[in-house]
N, C-alpha and C. Protein backbone atom coordinates (compact mmCIF):
# COMPACT_ATOMS: atom_id res chain seq x y z
N MET A 1 10.84 -5.02 100.96
CA MET A 1 10.81 -3.59 101.10
C MET A 1 11.84 -3.16 102.13
N VAL A 2 12.54 -2.08 101.87
CA VAL A 2 13.57 -1.59 102.76
C VAL A 2 12.94 -0.76 103.86
N LYS A 3 13.36 -1.01 105.11
CA LYS A 3 12.85 -0.22 106.24
C LYS A 3 13.51 1.14 106.23
N LYS A 4 12.70 2.19 106.28
CA LYS A 4 13.22 3.55 106.25
C LYS A 4 13.60 3.98 107.66
N GLU A 5 14.66 4.75 107.75
CA GLU A 5 15.15 5.21 109.03
C GLU A 5 14.28 6.34 109.57
N THR A 6 14.01 6.32 110.88
CA THR A 6 13.32 7.41 111.53
C THR A 6 14.18 7.92 112.67
N ILE A 7 14.22 9.25 112.84
CA ILE A 7 14.99 9.85 113.91
C ILE A 7 14.18 10.97 114.55
N LYS A 8 14.52 11.29 115.81
CA LYS A 8 13.85 12.36 116.52
C LYS A 8 14.81 13.54 116.64
N GLY A 9 14.26 14.73 116.55
CA GLY A 9 15.07 15.93 116.67
C GLY A 9 14.23 17.13 117.05
N ARG A 10 14.90 18.27 117.15
CA ARG A 10 14.27 19.51 117.58
C ARG A 10 14.23 20.49 116.41
N VAL A 11 13.09 21.13 116.20
CA VAL A 11 12.94 22.10 115.12
C VAL A 11 13.68 23.38 115.51
N VAL A 12 14.62 23.81 114.64
CA VAL A 12 15.38 25.03 114.92
C VAL A 12 14.99 26.16 113.97
N SER A 13 14.30 25.88 112.88
CA SER A 13 13.87 26.91 111.95
C SER A 13 12.64 26.44 111.19
N ASN A 14 11.68 27.37 111.02
CA ASN A 14 10.50 27.06 110.22
C ASN A 14 10.19 28.23 109.30
N LYS A 15 11.20 28.97 108.87
CA LYS A 15 11.00 30.17 108.07
C LYS A 15 10.66 29.87 106.61
N MET A 16 10.98 28.68 106.15
CA MET A 16 10.68 28.32 104.76
C MET A 16 9.27 27.78 104.63
N ASP A 17 8.71 27.83 103.44
CA ASP A 17 7.38 27.31 103.21
C ASP A 17 7.43 25.80 103.07
N LYS A 18 6.66 25.09 103.89
CA LYS A 18 6.56 23.62 103.89
C LYS A 18 7.88 22.93 104.18
N THR A 19 8.81 23.60 104.85
CA THR A 19 10.10 23.02 105.20
C THR A 19 10.49 23.46 106.59
N VAL A 20 11.02 22.51 107.38
CA VAL A 20 11.58 22.85 108.69
C VAL A 20 13.01 22.31 108.75
N VAL A 21 13.83 22.95 109.57
CA VAL A 21 15.18 22.47 109.81
C VAL A 21 15.16 21.79 111.17
N VAL A 22 15.59 20.52 111.21
CA VAL A 22 15.56 19.72 112.42
C VAL A 22 16.99 19.41 112.84
N ALA A 23 17.33 19.75 114.09
CA ALA A 23 18.66 19.47 114.64
C ALA A 23 18.58 18.18 115.44
N VAL A 24 19.48 17.23 115.14
CA VAL A 24 19.53 15.95 115.82
C VAL A 24 20.84 15.87 116.59
N ASP A 25 20.74 15.69 117.92
CA ASP A 25 21.92 15.59 118.77
C ASP A 25 22.33 14.13 118.90
N THR A 26 23.62 13.87 118.79
CA THR A 26 24.16 12.54 119.06
C THR A 26 25.30 12.69 120.06
N PHE A 27 25.40 11.77 120.97
CA PHE A 27 26.44 11.79 121.98
C PHE A 27 27.33 10.58 121.80
N SER A 28 28.64 10.80 121.90
CA SER A 28 29.59 9.70 121.81
C SER A 28 30.81 10.05 122.64
N ARG A 29 31.69 9.10 122.83
CA ARG A 29 32.92 9.33 123.59
C ARG A 29 34.09 9.45 122.61
N HIS A 30 35.02 10.32 122.96
CA HIS A 30 36.22 10.47 122.15
C HIS A 30 37.02 9.17 122.26
N PRO A 31 37.54 8.64 121.15
CA PRO A 31 38.21 7.35 121.19
C PRO A 31 39.47 7.32 122.06
N LEU A 32 40.18 8.42 122.16
CA LEU A 32 41.42 8.45 122.94
C LEU A 32 41.21 9.04 124.33
N TYR A 33 40.56 10.19 124.40
CA TYR A 33 40.46 10.91 125.67
C TYR A 33 39.21 10.58 126.48
N LYS A 34 38.28 9.86 125.89
CA LYS A 34 37.06 9.37 126.56
C LYS A 34 36.14 10.49 127.04
N LYS A 35 36.31 11.69 126.55
CA LYS A 35 35.42 12.78 126.91
C LYS A 35 34.13 12.67 126.10
N ALA A 36 33.01 12.96 126.74
CA ALA A 36 31.72 12.91 126.05
C ALA A 36 31.65 14.07 125.06
N MET A 37 31.31 13.75 123.82
CA MET A 37 31.19 14.76 122.77
C MET A 37 29.75 14.81 122.29
N ARG A 38 29.27 16.01 122.04
CA ARG A 38 27.93 16.19 121.49
C ARG A 38 28.06 16.69 120.07
N ARG A 39 27.48 15.97 119.13
CA ARG A 39 27.48 16.37 117.73
C ARG A 39 26.06 16.74 117.33
N VAL A 40 25.92 17.80 116.56
CA VAL A 40 24.62 18.24 116.09
C VAL A 40 24.61 18.17 114.57
N ARG A 41 23.63 17.50 114.03
CA ARG A 41 23.47 17.40 112.59
C ARG A 41 22.12 17.98 112.23
N LYS A 42 22.07 18.80 111.19
CA LYS A 42 20.82 19.44 110.80
C LYS A 42 20.28 18.79 109.52
N TYR A 43 18.98 18.55 109.52
CA TYR A 43 18.29 17.96 108.38
C TYR A 43 17.17 18.90 107.96
N MET A 44 16.97 19.05 106.65
CA MET A 44 15.80 19.75 106.15
C MET A 44 14.71 18.71 105.94
N ALA A 45 13.54 18.99 106.49
CA ALA A 45 12.44 18.03 106.42
C ALA A 45 11.19 18.71 105.88
N HIS A 46 10.41 17.94 105.13
CA HIS A 46 9.17 18.43 104.52
C HIS A 46 8.07 18.47 105.58
N ASP A 47 7.40 19.60 105.71
CA ASP A 47 6.30 19.80 106.65
C ASP A 47 5.11 20.33 105.85
N GLU A 48 4.28 19.43 105.38
CA GLU A 48 3.22 19.79 104.42
C GLU A 48 2.29 20.88 104.92
N GLY A 49 1.86 20.79 106.17
CA GLY A 49 0.86 21.75 106.66
C GLY A 49 1.44 22.93 107.40
N ASN A 50 2.74 23.12 107.38
CA ASN A 50 3.41 24.18 108.15
C ASN A 50 2.96 24.15 109.60
N ALA A 51 2.87 22.95 110.18
CA ALA A 51 2.33 22.78 111.53
C ALA A 51 3.39 22.86 112.62
N CYS A 52 4.65 22.70 112.29
CA CYS A 52 5.71 22.67 113.30
C CYS A 52 6.23 24.07 113.59
N ASN A 53 6.55 24.30 114.86
CA ASN A 53 7.10 25.57 115.30
C ASN A 53 8.49 25.34 115.88
N VAL A 54 9.25 26.42 116.03
CA VAL A 54 10.59 26.33 116.61
C VAL A 54 10.47 25.81 118.03
N GLY A 55 11.30 24.83 118.38
CA GLY A 55 11.30 24.25 119.72
C GLY A 55 10.54 22.94 119.82
N ASP A 56 9.72 22.61 118.83
CA ASP A 56 8.98 21.35 118.85
C ASP A 56 9.94 20.18 118.65
N THR A 57 9.63 19.07 119.30
CA THR A 57 10.35 17.83 119.06
C THR A 57 9.54 17.02 118.06
N VAL A 58 10.19 16.61 116.96
CA VAL A 58 9.49 15.91 115.89
C VAL A 58 10.21 14.63 115.53
N GLU A 59 9.49 13.74 114.89
CA GLU A 59 10.06 12.51 114.35
C GLU A 59 10.04 12.64 112.83
N ILE A 60 11.20 12.37 112.20
CA ILE A 60 11.30 12.48 110.75
C ILE A 60 11.68 11.13 110.16
N ILE A 61 11.28 10.93 108.90
CA ILE A 61 11.52 9.65 108.21
C ILE A 61 12.16 9.93 106.86
N GLU A 62 12.99 8.99 106.42
CA GLU A 62 13.61 9.09 105.10
C GLU A 62 12.56 8.98 104.00
N VAL A 63 12.69 9.80 102.97
CA VAL A 63 11.81 9.73 101.80
C VAL A 63 12.66 9.93 100.55
N ARG A 64 12.01 9.86 99.41
CA ARG A 64 12.72 10.10 98.15
C ARG A 64 13.18 11.56 98.13
N PRO A 65 14.15 11.92 97.30
CA PRO A 65 14.58 13.31 97.24
C PRO A 65 13.43 14.24 96.80
N LEU A 66 13.14 15.23 97.62
CA LEU A 66 12.09 16.19 97.32
C LEU A 66 12.65 17.47 96.73
N SER A 67 13.89 17.77 97.03
CA SER A 67 14.59 18.92 96.45
C SER A 67 16.09 18.65 96.62
N ARG A 68 16.91 19.67 96.42
CA ARG A 68 18.36 19.46 96.47
C ARG A 68 18.82 18.97 97.84
N ARG A 69 18.25 19.49 98.92
CA ARG A 69 18.70 19.12 100.26
C ARG A 69 17.65 18.40 101.09
N LYS A 70 16.41 18.30 100.62
CA LYS A 70 15.34 17.67 101.40
C LYS A 70 15.20 16.20 101.04
N ARG A 71 15.51 15.34 102.02
CA ARG A 71 15.33 13.89 101.87
C ARG A 71 14.61 13.31 103.07
N TRP A 72 13.98 14.15 103.88
CA TRP A 72 13.29 13.72 105.09
C TRP A 72 11.91 14.36 105.12
N CYS A 73 11.00 13.73 105.87
CA CYS A 73 9.64 14.23 105.98
C CYS A 73 9.19 14.09 107.44
N VAL A 74 8.49 15.10 107.96
CA VAL A 74 8.00 15.06 109.34
C VAL A 74 6.85 14.07 109.42
N VAL A 75 6.95 13.13 110.37
CA VAL A 75 5.89 12.12 110.56
C VAL A 75 4.97 12.55 111.69
N THR A 76 5.52 12.79 112.88
CA THR A 76 4.72 13.20 114.03
C THR A 76 5.44 14.28 114.81
N ARG A 77 4.64 15.06 115.53
CA ARG A 77 5.19 16.04 116.45
C ARG A 77 5.07 15.44 117.83
N VAL A 78 6.22 15.14 118.47
CA VAL A 78 6.22 14.44 119.75
C VAL A 78 5.90 15.40 120.89
N GLU A 79 6.57 16.56 120.93
CA GLU A 79 6.33 17.56 121.97
C GLU A 79 6.15 18.91 121.32
N GLY A 80 5.43 19.78 122.00
CA GLY A 80 5.21 21.12 121.48
C GLY A 80 3.75 21.48 121.63
N GLN A 81 3.32 22.50 120.95
CA GLN A 81 1.93 22.92 121.02
C GLN A 81 1.05 21.86 120.38
N GLY A 82 0.13 21.30 121.16
CA GLY A 82 -0.75 20.26 120.62
C GLY A 82 0.01 18.99 120.32
N GLY A 83 0.89 18.56 121.23
CA GLY A 83 1.78 17.42 121.01
C GLY A 83 1.05 16.15 120.61
N GLY A 84 1.73 15.27 119.90
CA GLY A 84 1.18 14.01 119.48
C GLY A 84 0.34 14.08 118.23
N VAL A 85 0.38 15.17 117.51
CA VAL A 85 -0.42 15.33 116.30
C VAL A 85 0.25 14.58 115.15
N VAL A 86 -0.51 13.76 114.44
CA VAL A 86 0.02 13.04 113.29
C VAL A 86 -0.06 13.96 112.08
N LEU A 87 1.08 14.15 111.41
CA LEU A 87 1.14 15.04 110.26
C LEU A 87 1.18 14.24 108.99
N ASP A 88 0.83 14.88 107.88
CA ASP A 88 0.85 14.24 106.57
C ASP A 88 2.27 13.95 106.16
N GLU A 89 2.52 12.79 105.56
CA GLU A 89 3.86 12.39 105.13
C GLU A 89 4.16 12.85 103.71
N GLY A 90 3.36 13.65 103.11
CA GLY A 90 3.62 14.12 101.77
C GLY A 90 3.41 13.06 100.71
N GLY A 91 2.53 12.08 100.95
CA GLY A 91 2.23 11.06 99.95
C GLY A 91 3.18 9.89 99.98
N GLU A 92 4.12 9.86 100.91
CA GLU A 92 5.07 8.74 100.98
C GLU A 92 4.55 7.68 101.94
N GLN A 93 4.85 6.43 101.64
CA GLN A 93 4.45 5.33 102.50
C GLN A 93 5.65 4.69 103.16
C-alpha cells in the first residue's frame, strides 16, 4: 500500500459547502542569492462536517479525486476553536 502524503496548513476560506481552501507555506533559499523565500500553495480540501473556520490550522491528506480541483481531505484540526478535533475523512482510509 502506498503511504499518502499529509501536510499542515492554514484555512484561508470556508465559503464553499464541505470544502475549505488551505494555504501551505514553504520556506527555501534562493539558489544564487541565498535569500529566504516564502512560497504559498493553496489546496482545496474536503471538510465533511463544515467544522473548519478561517484561521484554523489543519492537517490534510491525499485522497482520490473528489472533484476537478479537490484531491485532499481534512484529517484533524490542530489549532483553532476546539482544537484537536478528529474530523471525518470522507470514507477514505
